[in-house]
Protein backbone atom coordinates (compact mmCIF):
# COMPACT_ATOMS: atom_id res chain seq x y z
CA UNK A 1 -183.05 14.15 108.12
CA UNK A 2 -180.11 14.18 110.55
CA UNK A 3 -180.52 15.26 114.17
CA UNK A 4 -180.70 19.05 114.33
CA UNK A 5 -178.24 21.31 116.15
CA UNK A 6 -175.29 18.92 116.00
CA UNK A 7 -172.22 18.55 113.87
CA UNK A 8 -173.02 16.45 110.81
CA UNK A 9 -170.19 13.95 110.55
CA UNK A 10 -170.06 10.62 108.72
CA UNK A 11 -167.90 7.51 108.75
CA UNK A 12 -166.45 6.17 105.50
CA UNK A 13 -165.11 2.71 104.68
CA UNK A 14 -162.64 3.21 101.81
CA UNK A 15 -163.00 -0.36 100.57
CA UNK A 16 -160.97 -1.65 97.64
CA UNK A 17 -164.06 -2.56 95.59
CA UNK A 18 -167.06 -0.96 97.28
CA UNK A 19 -166.83 2.06 99.55
CA UNK A 20 -169.55 3.05 102.02
CA UNK A 21 -170.61 5.99 104.11
CA UNK A 22 -172.43 5.56 107.42
CA UNK A 23 -174.09 7.94 109.87
CA UNK A 24 -174.77 7.54 113.57
CA UNK A 25 -177.28 9.53 115.60
CA UNK A 26 -180.01 8.98 118.18
CA UNK A 27 -181.83 6.77 115.68
CA UNK A 28 -178.92 4.34 115.37
CA UNK A 29 -176.06 3.71 112.95
CA UNK A 30 -176.88 3.10 109.31
CA UNK A 31 -175.37 3.02 105.83
CA UNK A 32 -176.36 6.11 103.84
CA UNK A 33 -174.29 5.71 100.65
CA UNK A 34 -172.58 2.92 98.69
CA UNK A 35 -170.30 3.31 95.73
CA UNK A 36 -168.38 1.03 93.37
CA UNK A 37 -164.76 2.06 93.90
CA UNK A 38 -163.84 5.00 96.12
CA UNK A 39 -164.74 8.66 95.45
CA UNK A 40 -164.99 10.72 98.62
CA UNK A 41 -166.69 13.60 96.81
CA UNK A 42 -169.48 11.38 95.47
CA UNK A 43 -169.92 9.72 98.87
CA UNK A 44 -170.29 13.15 100.48
CA UNK A 45 -172.83 14.34 97.92
CA UNK A 46 -174.86 11.12 98.15
CA UNK A 47 -174.81 11.34 101.96
CA UNK A 48 -175.99 14.96 101.92
CA UNK A 49 -178.92 13.96 99.69
CA UNK A 50 -179.79 11.10 102.03
CA UNK A 51 -179.58 13.21 105.20
CA UNK A 52 -180.93 16.37 103.56
CA UNK A 53 -178.26 18.36 105.33
CA UNK A 54 -174.76 19.76 104.95
CA UNK A 55 -171.98 17.39 106.04
CA UNK A 56 -168.88 19.03 107.43
CA UNK A 57 -166.71 16.26 108.88
CA UNK A 58 -165.77 12.64 108.37
CA UNK A 59 -163.78 9.74 109.76
CA UNK A 60 -162.28 7.59 106.99
CA UNK A 61 -161.24 4.00 107.73
CA UNK A 62 -158.31 2.88 105.55
CA UNK A 63 -156.70 -0.52 105.05
CA UNK A 64 -153.87 -1.02 107.52
CA UNK A 65 -151.29 -1.49 104.75
CA UNK A 66 -151.86 1.96 103.20
CA UNK A 67 -148.63 3.96 103.18
CA UNK A 68 -148.03 7.58 104.13
CA UNK A 69 -148.43 8.78 100.53
CA UNK A 70 -151.82 7.11 100.21
CA UNK A 71 -152.94 8.67 103.49
CA UNK A 72 -151.88 12.13 102.28
CA UNK A 73 -153.62 11.68 98.93
CA UNK A 74 -156.92 10.70 100.54
CA UNK A 75 -156.65 13.49 103.11
CA UNK A 76 -156.08 16.10 100.40
CA UNK A 77 -158.89 14.71 98.25
CA UNK A 78 -161.27 14.84 101.20
CA UNK A 79 -160.32 18.47 101.85
CA UNK A 80 -160.93 19.40 98.23
CA UNK A 81 -164.33 17.73 98.35
CA UNK A 82 -165.37 20.17 101.07
CA UNK A 83 -164.88 18.33 104.36
CA UNK A 84 -163.97 20.68 107.18
CA UNK A 85 -162.61 18.12 109.65
CA UNK A 86 -161.11 14.79 108.57
CA UNK A 87 -159.79 11.97 110.71
CA UNK A 88 -158.04 8.97 109.11
CA UNK A 89 -158.10 5.72 111.07
CA UNK A 90 -157.23 2.09 110.35
CA UNK A 91 -159.79 -0.62 109.67
CA UNK A 92 -158.83 -2.19 113.00
CA UNK A 93 -159.67 0.99 114.91
CA UNK A 94 -163.02 1.15 113.12
CA UNK A 95 -163.69 -2.48 114.09
CA UNK A 96 -162.91 -1.62 117.70
CA UNK A 97 -165.42 1.24 117.69
CA UNK A 98 -168.07 -0.95 116.09
CA UNK A 99 -168.04 -3.88 118.51
CA UNK A 100 -167.97 -1.92 121.81
CA UNK A 101 -166.29 -4.58 123.94
CA UNK A 102 -166.24 -4.60 127.70
CA UNK A 103 -162.88 -4.70 129.47
CA UNK A 104 -161.13 -8.07 129.71
CA UNK A 105 -162.97 -9.37 126.66
CA UNK A 106 -162.01 -9.80 123.01
CA UNK A 107 -163.61 -10.62 119.69
CA UNK A 108 -162.44 -12.52 116.62
CA UNK A 109 -163.40 -10.69 113.42
CA UNK A 110 -163.21 -12.10 109.92
CA UNK A 111 -163.61 -9.31 107.38
CA UNK A 112 -164.18 -11.12 104.08
CA UNK A 113 -163.52 -8.31 101.61
CA UNK A 114 -163.15 -8.03 97.86
CA UNK A 115 -159.38 -8.36 97.59
CA UNK A 116 -158.44 -10.12 100.82
CA UNK A 117 -159.61 -11.70 104.04
CA UNK A 118 -158.63 -9.91 107.22
CA UNK A 119 -158.62 -11.87 110.47
CA UNK A 120 -158.28 -9.78 113.62
CA UNK A 121 -158.50 -10.34 117.35
CA UNK A 122 -159.69 -7.08 118.92
CA UNK A 123 -159.54 -6.30 122.63
CA UNK A 124 -161.49 -3.55 124.43
CA UNK A 125 -159.01 -0.88 123.32
CA UNK A 126 -156.42 -2.60 121.15
CA UNK A 127 -155.57 -4.87 118.28
CA UNK A 128 -154.29 -8.09 119.86
CA UNK A 129 -153.38 -10.05 116.73
CA UNK A 130 -154.18 -10.12 113.03
CA UNK A 131 -153.51 -11.96 109.80
CA UNK A 132 -154.19 -10.89 106.22
CA UNK A 133 -154.94 -13.59 103.64
CA UNK A 134 -154.34 -11.81 100.36
CA UNK A 135 -154.67 -14.68 97.87
CA UNK A 136 -158.43 -15.04 98.24
CA UNK A 137 -161.40 -12.70 98.55
CA UNK A 138 -164.61 -11.69 96.83
CA UNK A 139 -162.82 -10.83 93.60
CA UNK A 140 -161.30 -14.30 93.39
CA UNK A 141 -164.70 -15.87 94.03
CA UNK A 142 -166.14 -13.88 91.13
CA UNK A 143 -163.17 -14.85 88.95
CA UNK A 144 -163.68 -18.57 89.64
CA UNK A 145 -167.40 -18.31 89.04
CA UNK A 146 -167.03 -16.27 85.83
CA UNK A 147 -164.63 -18.89 84.46
CA UNK A 148 -167.11 -21.64 85.30
CA UNK A 149 -169.96 -19.75 83.64
CA UNK A 150 -167.85 -19.19 80.55
CA UNK A 151 -167.10 -22.90 80.21
CA UNK A 152 -170.66 -23.96 81.04
CA UNK A 153 -172.38 -21.58 78.64
CA UNK A 154 -169.60 -21.24 76.04
CA UNK A 155 -169.31 -17.49 76.59
CA UNK A 156 -165.82 -16.85 75.25
CA UNK A 157 -167.03 -13.90 73.19
CA UNK A 158 -168.53 -12.02 76.14
CA UNK A 159 -166.44 -9.20 77.59
CA UNK A 160 -164.56 -10.49 80.66
CA UNK A 161 -165.49 -7.50 82.82
CA UNK A 162 -169.18 -7.88 82.02
CA UNK A 163 -168.98 -11.61 82.73
CA UNK A 164 -167.40 -10.93 86.14
CA UNK A 165 -170.19 -8.48 86.95
CA UNK A 166 -172.80 -11.03 85.96
CA UNK A 167 -171.05 -13.69 88.04
CA UNK A 168 -171.18 -11.40 91.06
CA UNK A 169 -174.91 -10.78 90.56
CA UNK A 170 -175.64 -14.49 90.27
CA UNK A 171 -173.49 -15.18 93.35
CA UNK A 172 -175.55 -12.86 95.54
CA UNK A 173 -178.83 -14.15 94.11
CA UNK A 174 -177.77 -17.67 95.08
CA UNK A 175 -177.16 -16.34 98.58
CA UNK A 176 -180.93 -16.08 99.06
CA UNK A 177 -182.12 -18.70 96.56
CA UNK A 178 -181.19 -22.33 95.95
CA UNK A 179 -181.16 -21.88 92.19
CA UNK A 180 -181.84 -19.55 89.27
CA UNK A 181 -182.24 -19.86 85.53
CA UNK A 182 -179.87 -18.02 83.22
CA UNK A 183 -179.83 -18.40 79.46
CA UNK A 184 -182.30 -21.23 79.77
CA UNK A 185 -180.13 -23.33 82.08
CA UNK A 186 -180.57 -23.86 85.83
CA UNK A 187 -177.67 -22.78 88.03
CA UNK A 188 -177.64 -24.27 91.53
CA UNK A 189 -176.21 -22.76 94.67
CA UNK A 190 -174.09 -25.88 95.07
CA UNK A 191 -172.50 -25.19 91.66
CA UNK A 192 -171.00 -22.00 93.08
CA UNK A 193 -170.22 -23.52 96.47
CA UNK A 194 -168.10 -26.29 94.93
CA UNK A 195 -165.84 -23.65 93.37
CA UNK A 196 -165.01 -21.88 96.62
CA UNK A 197 -165.31 -24.70 99.16
CA UNK A 198 -161.62 -25.49 99.63
CA UNK A 199 -160.29 -21.87 99.67
CA UNK A 200 -162.88 -20.93 102.30
CA UNK A 201 -162.16 -24.12 104.25
CA UNK A 202 -158.49 -23.12 104.34
CA UNK A 203 -159.38 -19.70 105.79
CA UNK A 204 -161.44 -21.31 108.55
CA UNK A 205 -158.30 -23.17 109.68
CA UNK A 206 -156.57 -19.81 110.24
CA UNK A 207 -159.59 -18.57 112.19
CA UNK A 208 -159.64 -21.72 114.31
CA UNK A 209 -156.01 -21.10 115.27
CA UNK A 210 -156.94 -17.66 116.64
CA UNK A 211 -159.98 -19.14 118.39
CA UNK A 212 -157.81 -21.74 120.10
CA UNK A 213 -155.12 -19.28 121.22
CA UNK A 214 -157.21 -16.30 122.36
CA UNK A 215 -160.59 -17.88 123.21
CA UNK A 216 -162.56 -14.78 122.09
CA UNK A 217 -165.94 -13.98 123.62
CA UNK A 218 -167.57 -13.50 120.23
CA UNK A 219 -166.97 -14.13 116.56
CA UNK A 220 -168.05 -11.57 113.93
CA UNK A 221 -168.20 -12.15 110.18
CA UNK A 222 -168.00 -8.96 108.15
CA UNK A 223 -167.56 -7.82 104.54
CA UNK A 224 -169.59 -8.37 101.39
CA UNK A 225 -168.98 -12.12 101.31
CA UNK A 226 -170.54 -12.59 104.75
CA UNK A 227 -173.88 -13.01 102.96
CA UNK A 228 -172.76 -16.26 101.28
CA UNK A 229 -174.42 -19.19 103.13
CA UNK A 230 -171.49 -21.59 102.57
CA UNK A 231 -169.07 -19.18 104.23
CA UNK A 232 -171.32 -18.85 107.27
CA UNK A 233 -171.74 -22.61 107.48
CA UNK A 234 -168.06 -23.51 107.17
CA UNK A 235 -167.04 -21.00 109.84
CA UNK A 236 -169.79 -22.25 112.16
CA UNK A 237 -168.60 -25.84 111.71
CA UNK A 238 -164.91 -24.99 112.16
CA UNK A 239 -165.28 -22.73 115.19
CA UNK A 240 -168.28 -24.44 116.77
CA UNK A 241 -170.02 -21.07 117.15
CA UNK A 242 -172.49 -19.19 114.99
CA UNK A 243 -171.01 -15.89 113.80
CA UNK A 244 -172.58 -12.51 114.33
CA UNK A 245 -173.09 -11.03 110.85
CA UNK A 246 -172.23 -7.37 110.33
CA UNK A 247 -171.41 -6.79 106.66
CA UNK A 248 -170.86 -3.05 107.20
CA UNK A 249 -168.80 -3.28 110.38
CA UNK A 250 -165.98 -0.93 109.30
CA UNK A 251 -168.17 1.86 107.94
CA UNK A 252 -170.39 1.76 111.02
CA UNK A 253 -167.38 1.77 113.34
CA UNK A 254 -166.03 4.88 111.59
CA UNK A 255 -169.45 6.51 111.94
CA UNK A 256 -169.56 5.77 115.68
CA UNK A 257 -166.16 7.35 116.16
CA UNK A 258 -167.26 10.34 114.08
CA UNK A 259 -170.33 10.79 116.26
CA UNK A 260 -168.46 10.66 119.56
CA UNK A 261 -165.44 12.64 118.39
CA UNK A 262 -167.31 15.59 116.96
CA UNK A 263 -169.92 15.66 119.70
CA UNK A 264 -167.04 16.26 122.11
CA UNK A 265 -166.30 19.64 120.50
CA UNK A 266 -166.78 22.58 122.85
CA UNK A 267 -170.34 23.84 123.20
CA UNK A 268 -169.32 27.31 122.09
CA UNK A 269 -167.65 26.09 118.89
CA UNK A 270 -170.62 23.88 118.16
CA UNK A 271 -173.03 26.79 118.64
CA UNK A 272 -171.08 29.00 116.20
CA UNK A 273 -170.77 26.11 113.78
CA UNK A 274 -174.50 25.41 113.87
CA UNK A 275 -175.36 29.06 113.36
CA UNK A 276 -173.21 29.11 110.21
CA UNK A 277 -174.76 25.88 108.97
CA UNK A 278 -178.25 27.26 109.50
CA UNK A 279 -177.36 30.40 107.56
CA UNK A 280 -175.93 28.24 104.75
CA UNK A 281 -179.22 26.34 104.55
CA UNK A 282 -181.08 29.63 104.26
CA UNK A 283 -178.71 30.88 101.56
CA UNK A 284 -179.15 27.61 99.67
CA UNK A 285 -182.91 28.24 99.55
CA UNK A 286 -182.35 31.81 98.36
CA UNK A 287 -180.03 30.60 95.59
CA UNK A 288 -182.67 28.14 94.38
CA UNK A 289 -185.23 30.96 94.18
CA UNK A 290 -182.82 33.17 92.22
CA UNK A 291 -181.42 30.49 89.91
CA UNK A 292 -183.98 30.75 87.10
CA UNK A 293 -183.11 34.41 86.50
CA UNK A 294 -179.31 34.11 86.64
CA UNK A 295 -176.80 33.95 83.82
CA UNK A 296 -174.50 30.94 83.51
CA UNK A 297 -171.59 33.03 84.80
CA UNK A 298 -173.56 34.16 87.85
CA UNK A 299 -174.67 30.61 88.59
CA UNK A 300 -171.06 29.34 88.40
CA UNK A 301 -169.83 32.11 90.67
CA UNK A 302 -172.55 31.42 93.25
CA UNK A 303 -171.96 27.68 93.12
CA UNK A 304 -168.20 27.96 93.63
CA UNK A 305 -168.63 30.40 96.49
CA UNK A 306 -171.27 28.24 98.11
CA UNK A 307 -169.12 25.12 97.95
CA UNK A 308 -166.18 27.05 99.41
CA UNK A 309 -168.29 28.37 102.25
CA UNK A 310 -169.82 24.94 102.81
CA UNK A 311 -166.42 23.29 102.92
CA UNK A 312 -164.68 25.51 105.47
CA UNK A 313 -167.75 26.93 107.24
CA UNK A 314 -166.14 30.38 107.43
CA UNK A 315 -168.25 33.33 108.53
CA UNK A 316 -166.38 35.76 106.23
CA UNK A 317 -167.13 33.72 103.13
CA UNK A 318 -170.74 33.31 104.20
CA UNK A 319 -170.90 37.12 104.48
CA UNK A 320 -169.49 37.40 100.93
CA UNK A 321 -172.21 35.09 99.72
CA UNK A 322 -174.87 37.15 101.42
CA UNK A 323 -173.50 40.26 99.73
CA UNK A 324 -173.44 38.64 96.30
CA UNK A 325 -176.97 37.30 96.67
CA UNK A 326 -178.23 40.73 97.74
CA UNK A 327 -176.54 42.31 94.70
CA UNK A 328 -178.23 39.80 92.39
CA UNK A 329 -181.60 40.43 94.02
CA UNK A 330 -181.25 44.20 93.53
CA UNK A 331 -180.03 43.90 89.92
């Protein structure tokens, strides 16, 4: 369960393939929900189950190339899902929060995502330089591997989407094992590595350029592909330094900002907020006790009112809920 008597706020990485929610408290910063694609409502619900608490606020990290319309769409969707306070930040800002650099230092980050590779040099409070390599990422790796599997196993009749999914599963298995057997044939890690060797090698040249120019104090490898041994090895060889691995860097950075930002709310506002949250928890228990004896219409009305109260944390709506529950108890 989350720390008591504080705002419950999460960080979200709105990734292009896999989105994540993270939470930071006195026990550390951790991933609490993962989802294929991006659905802020599902992430919120999954996070509430994990934390066993009501979540009121979030910080969402978005790709830097998202336009104003995309920002507005995500903001409105987050509001409809019940978030009370929403802050949209860029992936670079989330990275900055995650690495906690001292002044006069900088870090080189390679975020190896699904649709692109993002190289960034981050200073203590700023983005110093960046480069996006959009012609290669995790999706392209899966595409290459799926094509190889199709030719190797003569799988032309298998649905392409299913084959890509299977390729991704095999890829990650080979990240922790030298080989596996599929359809009676051994697949070696080196089979996969040969397919991606030169594209990854090309990316390390870009990273080495940043290393030479800015001489960063640390190098961090992030994103889902950071688990692939070949990628770690090629970057280590090219940069002559072993990378720090933080696959969930962006989500955790957003969570750290969420923690600090919402903890800075005034003590008075926080006290009122927590009182309302506590009353909502009590009402939730009362609804569960009543539910078996309610009609479908009554259940729907209670549910909609509860979600509205939960979303905006308004004392007047909470009072309406109390009144409705009392009426149902007396009926």
